[in-house]
Amino acid sequence: MKLHPEILKINGKNEFAVLRYEEFLALQERLADAEDVLELRKAKRAETKKKSIPLDEVKRKLGLR
């Protein structure tokens, strides 16, 4: 993604970055996607600590064989 920020200065120091609205929306969407990836990784780590049951065993317990 290519951003085209307009940098606003106060007393000679960079203080704000202004983006086109379309760029802001695209950046916001990417941040949401990144947060989703982090949550997925967290959930996967939590699942590695849980005991799993093989599919055949689940089918047998549910009488699906």
N, C-alpha and C. Protein backbone atom coordinates (compact mmCIF):
# COMPACT_ATOMS: atom_id res chain seq x y z
N MET A 1 0.85 -1.17 0.00
CA MET A 1 0.00 0.00 0.00
C MET A 1 0.89 1.23 0.00
N LYS A 2 0.58 2.16 -0.84
CA LYS A 2 1.34 3.40 -0.91
C LYS A 2 0.52 4.50 -0.25
N LEU A 3 1.10 5.13 0.75
CA LEU A 3 0.43 6.22 1.45
C LEU A 3 1.04 7.56 1.00
N HIS A 4 0.20 8.57 0.99
CA HIS A 4 0.64 9.91 0.62
C HIS A 4 0.26 10.89 1.73
N PRO A 5 0.94 10.81 2.87
CA PRO A 5 0.56 11.69 3.98
C PRO A 5 1.01 13.13 3.76
N GLU A 6 0.23 14.02 4.30
CA GLU A 6 0.60 15.44 4.35
C GLU A 6 1.04 15.67 5.80
N ILE A 7 2.27 16.05 6.00
CA ILE A 7 2.81 16.23 7.34
C ILE A 7 2.60 17.68 7.77
N LEU A 8 1.98 17.83 8.93
CA LEU A 8 1.76 19.16 9.49
C LEU A 8 2.75 19.39 10.62
N LYS A 9 3.36 20.56 10.60
CA LYS A 9 4.37 20.89 11.61
C LYS A 9 3.86 21.97 12.56
N ILE A 10 4.33 21.87 13.78
CA ILE A 10 4.08 22.91 14.78
C ILE A 10 5.44 23.24 15.37
N ASN A 11 5.78 24.51 15.30
CA ASN A 11 7.08 24.99 15.76
C ASN A 11 8.23 24.19 15.12
N GLY A 12 8.07 23.88 13.84
CA GLY A 12 9.13 23.21 13.10
C GLY A 12 9.23 21.71 13.35
N LYS A 13 8.36 21.16 14.18
CA LYS A 13 8.38 19.72 14.47
C LYS A 13 7.19 19.04 13.81
N ASN A 14 7.43 17.86 13.24
CA ASN A 14 6.33 17.08 12.68
C ASN A 14 5.38 16.71 13.81
N GLU A 15 4.10 17.07 13.66
CA GLU A 15 3.12 16.82 14.71
C GLU A 15 1.95 15.95 14.24
N PHE A 16 1.54 16.09 12.99
CA PHE A 16 0.37 15.37 12.49
C PHE A 16 0.63 14.87 11.08
N ALA A 17 -0.03 13.76 10.76
CA ALA A 17 -0.01 13.25 9.39
C ALA A 17 -1.46 13.17 8.93
N VAL A 18 -1.75 13.78 7.80
CA VAL A 18 -3.09 13.79 7.24
C VAL A 18 -3.08 12.89 6.00
N LEU A 19 -4.06 11.98 5.94
CA LEU A 19 -4.16 11.06 4.80
C LEU A 19 -5.44 11.33 4.02
N ARG A 20 -5.41 10.95 2.74
CA ARG A 20 -6.64 10.97 1.96
C ARG A 20 -7.58 9.96 2.63
N TYR A 21 -8.87 10.20 2.56
CA TYR A 21 -9.83 9.35 3.23
C TYR A 21 -9.75 7.91 2.74
N GLU A 22 -9.56 7.71 1.44
CA GLU A 22 -9.45 6.36 0.87
C GLU A 22 -8.24 5.64 1.45
N GLU A 23 -7.13 6.35 1.62
CA GLU A 23 -5.93 5.75 2.20
C GLU A 23 -6.17 5.39 3.66
N PHE A 24 -6.87 6.26 4.37
CA PHE A 24 -7.20 6.00 5.77
C PHE A 24 -8.03 4.73 5.89
N LEU A 25 -9.06 4.59 5.03
CA LEU A 25 -9.91 3.40 5.08
C LEU A 25 -9.12 2.13 4.79
N ALA A 26 -8.24 2.19 3.78
CA ALA A 26 -7.43 1.03 3.44
C ALA A 26 -6.50 0.67 4.59
N LEU A 27 -5.90 1.66 5.22
CA LEU A 27 -5.01 1.43 6.36
C LEU A 27 -5.79 0.85 7.54
N GLN A 28 -6.98 1.36 7.77
CA GLN A 28 -7.83 0.86 8.84
C GLN A 28 -8.19 -0.61 8.61
N GLU A 29 -8.49 -0.97 7.37
CA GLU A 29 -8.82 -2.35 7.04
C GLU A 29 -7.61 -3.27 7.25
N ARG A 30 -6.44 -2.82 6.85
CA ARG A 30 -5.23 -3.63 7.06
C ARG A 30 -4.95 -3.82 8.54
N LEU A 31 -5.15 -2.80 9.34
CA LEU A 31 -4.94 -2.93 10.78
C LEU A 31 -5.93 -3.92 11.38
N ALA A 32 -7.17 -3.89 10.93
CA ALA A 32 -8.17 -4.84 11.42
C ALA A 32 -7.76 -6.27 11.05
N ASP A 33 -7.27 -6.45 9.82
CA ASP A 33 -6.81 -7.77 9.38
C ASP A 33 -5.64 -8.24 10.24
N ALA A 34 -4.71 -7.34 10.54
CA ALA A 34 -3.55 -7.70 11.36
C ALA A 34 -4.00 -8.10 12.77
N GLU A 35 -4.99 -7.38 13.31
CA GLU A 35 -5.51 -7.74 14.63
C GLU A 35 -6.15 -9.12 14.60
N ASP A 36 -6.86 -9.43 13.51
CA ASP A 36 -7.47 -10.75 13.36
C ASP A 36 -6.41 -11.84 13.35
N VAL A 37 -5.31 -11.60 12.65
CA VAL A 37 -4.21 -12.57 12.58
C VAL A 37 -3.62 -12.79 13.97
N LEU A 38 -3.44 -11.72 14.71
CA LEU A 38 -2.90 -11.85 16.07
C LEU A 38 -3.84 -12.66 16.96
N GLU A 39 -5.14 -12.41 16.85
CA GLU A 39 -6.12 -13.18 17.64
C GLU A 39 -6.11 -14.65 17.24
N LEU A 40 -5.98 -14.92 15.94
CA LEU A 40 -5.93 -16.30 15.46
C LEU A 40 -4.70 -17.01 16.02
N ARG A 41 -3.56 -16.35 15.98
CA ARG A 41 -2.33 -16.94 16.53
C ARG A 41 -2.48 -17.22 18.02
N LYS A 42 -3.10 -16.30 18.73
CA LYS A 42 -3.31 -16.47 20.17
C LYS A 42 -4.21 -17.68 20.42
N ALA A 43 -5.28 -17.82 19.64
CA ALA A 43 -6.20 -18.94 19.79
C ALA A 43 -5.50 -20.26 19.47
N LYS A 44 -4.66 -20.26 18.45
CA LYS A 44 -3.94 -21.48 18.09
C LYS A 44 -2.98 -21.89 19.21
N ARG A 45 -2.30 -20.92 19.80
CA ARG A 45 -1.41 -21.24 20.92
C ARG A 45 -2.19 -21.83 22.08
N ALA A 46 -3.35 -21.29 22.35
CA ALA A 46 -4.17 -21.79 23.46
C ALA A 46 -4.65 -23.21 23.16
N GLU A 47 -4.93 -23.51 21.91
CA GLU A 47 -5.42 -24.83 21.54
C GLU A 47 -4.33 -25.90 21.63
N THR A 48 -3.08 -25.53 21.49
CA THR A 48 -2.01 -26.53 21.55
C THR A 48 -1.91 -27.15 22.94
N LYS A 49 -2.46 -26.47 23.93
CA LYS A 49 -2.41 -26.97 25.30
C LYS A 49 -3.58 -27.90 25.62
N LYS A 50 -4.57 -27.97 24.71
CA LYS A 50 -5.75 -28.80 24.95
C LYS A 50 -5.58 -30.17 24.30
N LYS A 51 -6.21 -31.16 24.94
CA LYS A 51 -6.19 -32.51 24.42
C LYS A 51 -7.15 -32.60 23.23
N SER A 52 -6.73 -33.26 22.17
CA SER A 52 -7.60 -33.43 21.01
C SER A 52 -8.14 -34.86 20.97
N ILE A 53 -9.24 -35.02 20.26
CA ILE A 53 -9.87 -36.34 20.11
C ILE A 53 -9.88 -36.67 18.62
N PRO A 54 -9.39 -37.84 18.25
CA PRO A 54 -9.38 -38.22 16.83
C PRO A 54 -10.81 -38.27 16.27
N LEU A 55 -10.95 -37.94 14.99
CA LEU A 55 -12.25 -37.91 14.34
C LEU A 55 -12.97 -39.26 14.42
N ASP A 56 -12.24 -40.33 14.23
CA ASP A 56 -12.87 -41.67 14.32
C ASP A 56 -13.51 -41.90 15.68
N GLU A 57 -12.85 -41.43 16.73
CA GLU A 57 -13.40 -41.60 18.07
C GLU A 57 -14.67 -40.77 18.27
N VAL A 58 -14.66 -39.57 17.74
CA VAL A 58 -15.84 -38.71 17.83
C VAL A 58 -17.01 -39.35 17.10
N LYS A 59 -16.75 -39.86 15.88
CA LYS A 59 -17.81 -40.53 15.11
C LYS A 59 -18.37 -41.73 15.88
N ARG A 60 -17.48 -42.50 16.48
CA ARG A 60 -17.90 -43.68 17.23
C ARG A 60 -18.78 -43.26 18.41
N LYS A 61 -18.37 -42.21 19.14
CA LYS A 61 -19.14 -41.76 20.29
C LYS A 61 -20.52 -41.23 19.89
N LEU A 62 -20.60 -40.66 18.68
CA LEU A 62 -21.86 -40.11 18.21
C LEU A 62 -22.69 -41.14 17.45
N GLY A 63 -22.15 -42.36 17.31
CA GLY A 63 -22.87 -43.41 16.61
C GLY A 63 -22.96 -43.18 15.11
N LEU A 64 -21.96 -42.54 14.54
CA LEU A 64 -21.97 -42.21 13.13
C LEU A 64 -21.22 -43.23 12.26
N ARG A 65 -20.80 -44.32 12.84
CA ARG A 65 -20.05 -45.31 12.06
C ARG A 65 -20.96 -46.28 11.45
